[in-house]
Amino acid sequence: MDSAISCTNGISNGNGVCGKGYSLNGYRKSCWYEEEIEEDLRWCFALNSILHTGHSQFQDIALLDTKPFGKALVIDGKLQSAETDEFIYHECLVHPALLHHPNPKTIFIMGGGEGSTARELLRHKAVDKVVMCDIDEEVVQFCKSYLLVNREAFCDPRLKLVISDARAELENKEENYDVIVGDLADPIEGGPCYKLYTKSFYELVVKPKLNHDGIFVTQAGPAGIFSHAEVFSCIYNTLKQVFKYVVPYSAHIPSYADTWGWVMASDKPFVLTADELDIRIKQRIKGENRYLDGKTFSSASTLSKAVRKSLDNETHIYTEGSARFIYGHGCADNKQSHV
């Protein structure tokens, strides 16, 4: 999504900081954060303040204090996560894969610089090592400083932080993993991450780095009744060409103004019932999930009739030459990164 920060009188100085914004009767009104979801659809919400802005070698960074969603992290004009509902995204990304794995000890995160994915992974008692690979050190340091909820995760001795390109890190190291997590930026035209959603990447890089019984899970973009056709359905179909068993699932995330999708893949079938998932949650995870339990995952992986039909009929395979993108445009000079 393209974005802007402006005031109620429509004035913006163009650098992410709004003017005073007075209404006609002289009373001060709120500043607003706005993202263009589609050409004719915009999503905006009021701000209390702009807490911090910065710029790294790869991307622009902003931390906003929003009225409806608390602190919100924005990278290159795209909302990455919001304080009040990021737990939905991160619990859905992490826990289904780790709960279905018989004994997940080593995990690799592609991206994840925000620290929330590592936080959820490290709640699993069986986990011995989490490698978080993000290319942008400044984003990681920014999140360490300003996102207090993840400070404990960053200090956990089981977490190994690597500042590097995720693809290169996987290709150049001999280590294999029980679970690989794709916490990458969305594939957008001109952006850097679409190459990490391709069949060749999944087949030649990701799958060979999984141990026996290994599971790969990735965020897969918007998954709403209309928006799922952008990338969710073809990411699902692409993974079906590489892995024997592939499970798409989704959840509504209020700050995203849409339903979001994830896809989990393995050569081992996913056979746990809702009750069995609940037993593993109690046995394996420290603390209580706020969103995900067995019934919730069963519901999340039961897609609507329209979306199921669309996924069943999807034939597109994601390649570098035939990529699909969500609405928006990135900077072609950037490299792979995500928070």
Protein backbone atom coordinates (compact mmCIF):
# COMPACT_ATOMS: atom_id res chain seq x y z
CA MET A 1 0.00 0.00 0.00
CA ASP A 2 1.12 3.53 -0.71
CA SER A 3 0.73 5.78 2.32
CA ALA A 4 0.70 9.32 3.59
CA ILE A 5 0.36 11.09 6.91
CA SER A 6 -1.87 14.12 6.74
CA CYS A 7 -4.24 16.27 8.76
CA THR A 8 -7.96 16.71 8.58
CA ASN A 9 -7.58 19.74 6.32
CA GLY A 10 -5.76 17.58 3.77
CA ILE A 11 -2.40 19.32 4.24
CA SER A 12 0.76 17.21 4.29
CA ASN A 13 4.34 18.36 4.01
CA GLY A 14 5.28 15.19 2.13
CA ASN A 15 7.87 13.80 4.53
CA GLY A 16 5.59 11.89 6.87
CA VAL A 17 5.06 14.71 9.37
CA CYS A 18 1.76 16.57 9.26
CA GLY A 19 1.07 20.21 9.90
CA LYS A 20 -1.11 21.56 12.70
CA GLY A 21 -4.38 20.91 10.91
CA TYR A 22 -7.07 23.29 12.13
CA SER A 23 -10.72 22.91 11.22
CA LEU A 24 -12.82 25.85 10.10
CA ASN A 25 -13.94 26.62 13.65
CA GLY A 26 -10.35 26.87 14.85
CA TYR A 27 -10.22 23.68 16.93
CA ARG A 28 -7.31 21.37 16.28
CA LYS A 29 -8.13 18.04 14.68
CA SER A 30 -6.24 14.77 14.45
CA CYS A 31 -3.47 13.88 12.08
CA TRP A 32 -4.23 10.82 9.99
CA TYR A 33 -2.26 7.90 8.59
CA GLU A 34 -3.49 6.74 5.20
CA GLU A 35 -2.68 3.78 2.95
CA GLU A 36 -3.94 3.21 -0.56
CA ILE A 37 -5.14 -0.40 -0.57
CA GLU A 38 -6.42 -0.26 -4.12
CA GLU A 39 -6.67 2.48 -6.72
CA ASP A 40 -10.12 3.50 -5.48
CA LEU A 41 -9.87 2.35 -1.86
CA ARG A 42 -7.97 3.97 0.99
CA TRP A 43 -7.67 3.05 4.68
CA CYS A 44 -6.86 5.66 7.28
CA PHE A 45 -6.86 6.16 11.02
CA ALA A 46 -6.16 8.94 13.48
CA LEU A 47 -2.79 9.50 15.13
CA ASN A 48 -1.94 10.64 18.62
CA SER A 49 1.62 11.37 17.57
CA ILE A 50 4.57 10.39 15.39
CA LEU A 51 6.96 8.77 17.84
CA HIS A 52 9.98 8.30 15.61
CA THR A 53 11.05 8.36 11.99
CA GLY A 54 14.28 7.14 10.46
CA HIS A 55 15.91 5.99 7.28
CA SER A 56 18.23 3.07 6.68
CA GLN A 57 20.27 2.02 3.69
CA PHE A 58 17.30 -0.03 2.51
CA GLN A 59 14.06 1.59 3.69
CA ASP A 60 12.20 4.31 5.56
CA ILE A 61 11.04 3.55 9.10
CA ALA A 62 8.32 5.18 11.19
CA LEU A 63 6.75 4.41 14.55
CA LEU A 64 3.32 5.95 14.96
CA ASP A 65 1.10 6.20 18.01
CA THR A 66 -2.32 5.56 16.52
CA LYS A 67 -5.64 6.11 18.25
CA PRO A 68 -7.34 2.83 17.26
CA PHE A 69 -4.36 0.44 17.16
CA GLY A 70 -1.68 1.75 19.53
CA LYS A 71 1.92 1.83 18.35
CA ALA A 72 2.21 0.95 14.67
CA LEU A 73 5.38 0.17 12.75
CA VAL A 74 5.48 1.45 9.17
CA ILE A 75 8.23 0.46 6.72
CA ASP A 76 8.47 2.15 3.32
CA GLY A 77 4.96 3.47 3.71
CA LYS A 78 3.44 0.09 4.55
CA LEU A 79 1.90 -0.82 7.88
CA GLN A 80 3.81 -3.84 9.18
CA SER A 81 2.19 -4.41 12.54
CA ALA A 82 0.15 -2.64 15.18
CA GLU A 83 0.36 -3.01 18.94
CA THR A 84 -3.24 -4.05 19.53
CA ASP A 85 -3.51 -6.89 17.00
CA GLU A 86 -0.03 -8.04 15.90
CA PHE A 87 -0.51 -11.13 18.08
CA ILE A 88 -3.08 -12.43 15.57
CA TYR A 89 -0.60 -12.35 12.70
CA HIS A 90 2.35 -13.74 14.64
CA GLU A 91 0.49 -16.52 16.47
CA CYS A 92 -0.99 -17.66 13.15
CA LEU A 93 2.38 -17.52 11.41
CA VAL A 94 4.29 -19.45 14.06
CA HIS A 95 2.24 -21.87 16.11
CA PRO A 96 0.46 -24.10 13.55
CA ALA A 97 3.76 -25.21 12.01
CA LEU A 98 5.55 -25.80 15.30
CA LEU A 99 2.59 -27.63 16.83
CA HIS A 100 2.32 -29.97 13.83
CA HIS A 101 6.04 -30.76 13.93
CA PRO A 102 6.85 -33.72 16.22
CA ASN A 103 9.82 -32.03 17.91
CA PRO A 104 10.79 -28.57 16.58
CA LYS A 105 14.25 -27.68 17.83
CA THR A 106 15.88 -25.55 15.13
CA ILE A 107 14.07 -22.74 13.35
CA PHE A 108 15.07 -20.30 10.61
CA ILE A 109 13.21 -17.00 10.10
CA MET A 110 13.46 -15.28 6.76
CA GLY A 111 13.05 -11.62 7.72
CA GLY A 112 11.36 -11.08 11.05
CA GLY A 113 13.43 -8.07 12.19
CA GLU A 114 10.55 -6.75 14.30
CA GLY A 115 11.21 -9.59 16.75
CA SER A 116 7.60 -10.70 17.20
CA THR A 117 8.02 -13.91 15.21
CA ALA A 118 11.07 -14.82 17.30
CA ARG A 119 9.10 -13.99 20.45
CA GLU A 120 6.38 -16.49 19.57
CA LEU A 121 8.88 -19.16 18.48
CA LEU A 122 10.81 -18.86 21.73
CA ARG A 123 7.67 -19.59 23.73
CA HIS A 124 8.00 -23.20 22.57
CA LYS A 125 9.82 -25.26 25.19
CA ALA A 126 11.36 -27.64 22.65
CA VAL A 127 13.08 -24.92 20.64
CA ASP A 128 16.87 -24.89 21.08
CA LYS A 129 17.85 -22.41 18.38
CA VAL A 130 16.20 -19.69 16.33
CA VAL A 131 18.13 -18.04 13.50
CA MET A 132 16.56 -14.71 12.53
CA CYS A 133 17.98 -13.45 9.25
CA ASP A 134 17.13 -9.89 8.26
CA ILE A 135 19.13 -7.74 5.89
CA ASP A 136 18.49 -4.39 7.56
CA GLU A 137 20.40 -3.94 10.80
CA GLU A 138 18.98 -0.47 11.37
CA VAL A 139 15.42 -1.79 11.33
CA VAL A 140 16.36 -4.50 13.83
CA GLN A 141 18.03 -1.97 16.12
CA PHE A 142 15.07 0.37 15.75
CA CYS A 143 12.67 -2.39 16.82
CA LYS A 144 14.90 -3.40 19.70
CA SER A 145 14.80 0.16 20.99
CA TYR A 146 11.14 1.02 20.49
CA LEU A 147 9.14 -2.24 20.60
CA LEU A 148 9.47 -3.09 24.27
CA VAL A 149 7.23 -6.17 24.00
CA ASN A 150 10.02 -8.00 22.14
CA ARG A 151 13.02 -7.03 24.24
CA GLU A 152 13.02 -10.32 26.13
CA ALA A 153 13.08 -12.26 22.86
CA PHE A 154 16.06 -10.29 21.57
CA CYS A 155 17.92 -11.12 24.79
CA ASP A 156 17.11 -14.85 24.70
CA PRO A 157 20.36 -16.87 24.27
CA ARG A 158 18.57 -19.25 21.90
CA LEU A 159 18.16 -16.45 19.35
CA LYS A 160 20.91 -15.97 16.80
CA LEU A 161 20.55 -12.73 14.87
CA VAL A 162 22.10 -12.68 11.40
CA ILE A 163 22.23 -9.53 9.32
CA SER A 164 22.28 -10.90 5.80
CA ASP A 165 20.19 -11.76 2.77
CA ALA A 166 17.99 -14.71 3.72
CA ARG A 167 18.46 -16.55 0.45
CA ALA A 168 22.24 -16.24 0.59
CA GLU A 169 22.28 -17.35 4.23
CA LEU A 170 20.31 -20.50 3.44
CA GLU A 171 22.36 -21.28 0.35
CA ASN A 172 25.77 -20.71 1.93
CA LYS A 173 25.34 -22.50 5.25
CA GLU A 174 25.22 -26.28 5.68
CA GLU A 175 22.79 -26.25 8.60
CA ASN A 176 19.28 -27.67 8.16
CA TYR A 177 16.18 -26.76 10.14
CA ASP A 178 13.03 -28.35 11.50
CA VAL A 179 10.91 -25.36 10.54
CA ILE A 180 11.57 -22.45 8.15
CA VAL A 181 9.36 -19.40 8.56
CA GLY A 182 8.80 -16.84 5.80
CA ASP A 183 8.09 -13.54 7.57
CA LEU A 184 8.85 -11.51 4.47
CA ALA A 185 7.47 -8.32 3.00
CA ASP A 186 4.63 -8.73 0.54
CA PRO A 187 5.49 -9.28 -3.12
CA ILE A 188 5.04 -5.91 -4.78
CA GLU A 189 6.10 -4.70 -8.20
CA GLY A 190 9.54 -3.13 -7.96
CA GLY A 191 10.04 -4.64 -4.51
CA PRO A 192 12.77 -7.03 -3.45
CA CYS A 193 10.91 -9.96 -1.91
CA TYR A 194 8.91 -11.46 -4.75
CA LYS A 195 11.84 -13.72 -5.69
CA LEU A 196 11.42 -15.46 -2.33
CA TYR A 197 7.92 -16.59 -3.27
CA THR A 198 8.94 -18.46 -6.42
CA LYS A 199 8.81 -22.17 -7.23
CA SER A 200 12.56 -22.29 -7.84
CA PHE A 201 13.29 -20.75 -4.43
CA TYR A 202 10.97 -23.15 -2.62
CA GLU A 203 12.27 -26.15 -4.56
CA LEU A 204 16.01 -25.44 -4.72
CA VAL A 205 16.66 -23.45 -1.54
CA VAL A 206 13.95 -23.92 1.09
CA LYS A 207 13.06 -27.59 0.79
CA PRO A 208 16.65 -28.90 0.80
CA LYS A 209 17.25 -27.00 4.05
CA LEU A 210 14.46 -28.77 5.92
CA ASN A 211 15.18 -31.76 8.11
CA HIS A 212 13.11 -34.94 7.91
CA ASP A 213 9.51 -34.08 8.88
CA GLY A 214 10.41 -30.43 8.25
CA ILE A 215 7.72 -27.79 7.75
CA PHE A 216 7.78 -24.54 5.83
CA VAL A 217 5.31 -21.75 6.56
CA THR A 218 5.02 -18.35 4.94
CA GLN A 219 2.85 -15.30 5.17
CA ALA A 220 0.99 -15.16 1.88
CA GLY A 221 -0.59 -11.73 1.63
CA PRO A 222 -4.22 -10.62 1.65
CA ALA A 223 -6.71 -13.50 1.68
CA GLY A 224 -10.08 -11.75 1.61
CA ILE A 225 -13.01 -12.70 -0.55
CA PHE A 226 -11.69 -10.47 -3.34
CA SER A 227 -8.06 -9.79 -2.40
CA HIS A 228 -6.97 -13.46 -2.20
CA ALA A 229 -6.64 -13.56 -5.98
CA GLU A 230 -3.71 -11.13 -5.88
CA VAL A 231 -1.04 -13.50 -4.52
CA PHE A 232 -2.54 -15.86 -1.90
CA SER A 233 -3.98 -18.34 -4.37
CA CYS A 234 -0.86 -18.56 -6.55
CA ILE A 235 1.51 -18.86 -3.56
CA TYR A 236 -0.64 -21.78 -2.44
CA ASN A 237 -0.58 -23.36 -5.89
CA THR A 238 3.17 -22.82 -6.22
CA LEU A 239 3.88 -24.61 -2.95
CA LYS A 240 1.65 -27.48 -4.12
CA GLN A 241 4.17 -28.05 -6.94
CA VAL A 242 6.99 -28.52 -4.40
CA PHE A 243 5.47 -30.16 -1.30
CA LYS A 244 3.09 -33.11 -0.95
CA TYR A 245 0.88 -31.51 1.69
CA VAL A 246 -0.09 -27.83 1.68
CA VAL A 247 -2.54 -26.09 4.02
CA PRO A 248 -3.78 -22.54 3.39
CA TYR A 249 -5.40 -20.64 6.26
CA SER A 250 -6.44 -17.10 7.09
CA ALA A 251 -7.57 -14.68 9.79
CA HIS A 252 -8.97 -11.18 9.93
CA ILE A 253 -6.50 -8.55 11.16
CA PRO A 254 -8.25 -5.26 11.97
CA SER A 255 -5.28 -2.95 11.37
CA TYR A 256 -4.73 -4.49 7.92
CA ALA A 257 -8.36 -3.80 6.97
CA ASP A 258 -8.53 -7.28 5.47
CA THR A 259 -8.29 -11.00 6.04
CA TRP A 260 -4.67 -12.21 5.90
CA GLY A 261 -3.32 -15.50 4.61
CA TRP A 262 -0.61 -18.01 5.47
CA VAL A 263 0.40 -21.27 3.80
CA MET A 264 1.99 -24.23 5.57
CA ALA A 265 3.73 -26.98 3.58
CA SER A 266 5.48 -30.28 4.22
CA ASP A 267 6.04 -33.75 2.79
CA LYS A 268 4.43 -35.10 5.96
CA PRO A 269 0.62 -34.91 6.30
CA PHE A 270 -1.00 -32.50 8.75
CA VAL A 271 -3.32 -34.78 10.71
CA LEU A 272 -3.82 -33.23 14.15
CA THR A 273 -7.37 -32.59 15.33
CA ALA A 274 -8.42 -29.46 17.22
CA ASP A 275 -8.29 -31.37 20.51
CA GLU A 276 -4.83 -32.73 19.74
CA LEU A 277 -3.61 -29.22 18.93
CA ASP A 278 -4.96 -27.99 22.26
CA ILE A 279 -3.10 -30.74 24.10
CA ARG A 280 0.15 -29.78 22.38
CA ILE A 281 -0.44 -26.10 23.14
CA LYS A 282 -0.69 -26.89 26.85
CA GLN A 283 2.33 -29.20 26.77
CA ARG A 284 4.67 -27.18 24.57
CA ILE A 285 3.99 -23.45 24.84
CA LYS A 286 4.86 -21.18 27.74
CA GLY A 287 2.03 -18.85 28.64
CA GLU A 288 -1.37 -18.60 27.03
CA ASN A 289 -2.11 -17.76 23.42
CA ARG A 290 -4.34 -14.77 22.98
CA TYR A 291 -5.76 -15.85 19.62
CA LEU A 292 -4.89 -19.33 18.44
CA ASP A 293 -6.17 -22.64 19.79
CA GLY A 294 -7.26 -25.89 18.14
CA LYS A 295 -10.75 -24.75 17.17
CA THR A 296 -9.44 -21.42 15.90
CA PHE A 297 -6.96 -23.14 13.60
CA SER A 298 -9.66 -25.53 12.36
CA SER A 299 -11.78 -22.50 11.55
CA ALA A 300 -8.86 -20.58 9.99
CA SER A 301 -8.04 -23.49 7.67
CA THR A 302 -11.68 -23.88 6.61
CA LEU A 303 -11.82 -21.25 3.90
CA SER A 304 -15.03 -19.85 2.42
CA LYS A 305 -16.66 -21.55 -0.54
CA ALA A 306 -15.59 -18.79 -2.93
CA VAL A 307 -11.95 -18.82 -1.81
CA ARG A 308 -11.76 -22.64 -1.80
CA LYS A 309 -13.11 -22.75 -5.34
CA SER A 310 -10.64 -20.11 -6.45
CA LEU A 311 -7.69 -21.97 -4.91
CA ASP A 312 -8.85 -25.27 -6.42
CA ASN A 313 -8.96 -23.67 -9.86
CA GLU A 314 -5.69 -21.73 -9.57
CA THR A 315 -3.16 -22.74 -12.21
CA HIS A 316 -0.63 -19.93 -11.96
CA ILE A 317 2.83 -20.90 -10.70
CA TYR A 318 4.91 -18.11 -9.19
CA THR A 319 8.20 -17.58 -11.01
CA GLU A 320 10.49 -14.60 -11.44
CA GLY A 321 9.23 -14.21 -14.99
CA SER A 322 5.53 -14.59 -14.15
CA ALA A 323 5.26 -12.96 -10.75
CA ARG A 324 2.03 -11.61 -9.31
CA PHE A 325 1.97 -8.63 -6.98
CA ILE A 326 -0.27 -6.97 -4.45
CA TYR A 327 -1.29 -3.38 -5.09
CA GLY A 328 1.52 -0.89 -4.66
CA HIS A 329 5.05 -0.35 -5.85
CA GLY A 330 8.42 -0.76 -4.17
CA CYS A 331 11.89 0.59 -4.77
CA ALA A 332 13.83 -1.61 -7.18
CA ASP A 333 17.09 -0.58 -5.52
CA ASN A 334 16.12 -2.20 -2.20
CA LYS A 335 17.21 -5.67 -1.23
CA GLN A 336 15.29 -8.40 0.61
CA SER A 337 14.11 -7.28 4.01
CA HIS A 338 11.14 -7.33 6.32
CA VAL A 339 10.46 -6.45 9.92
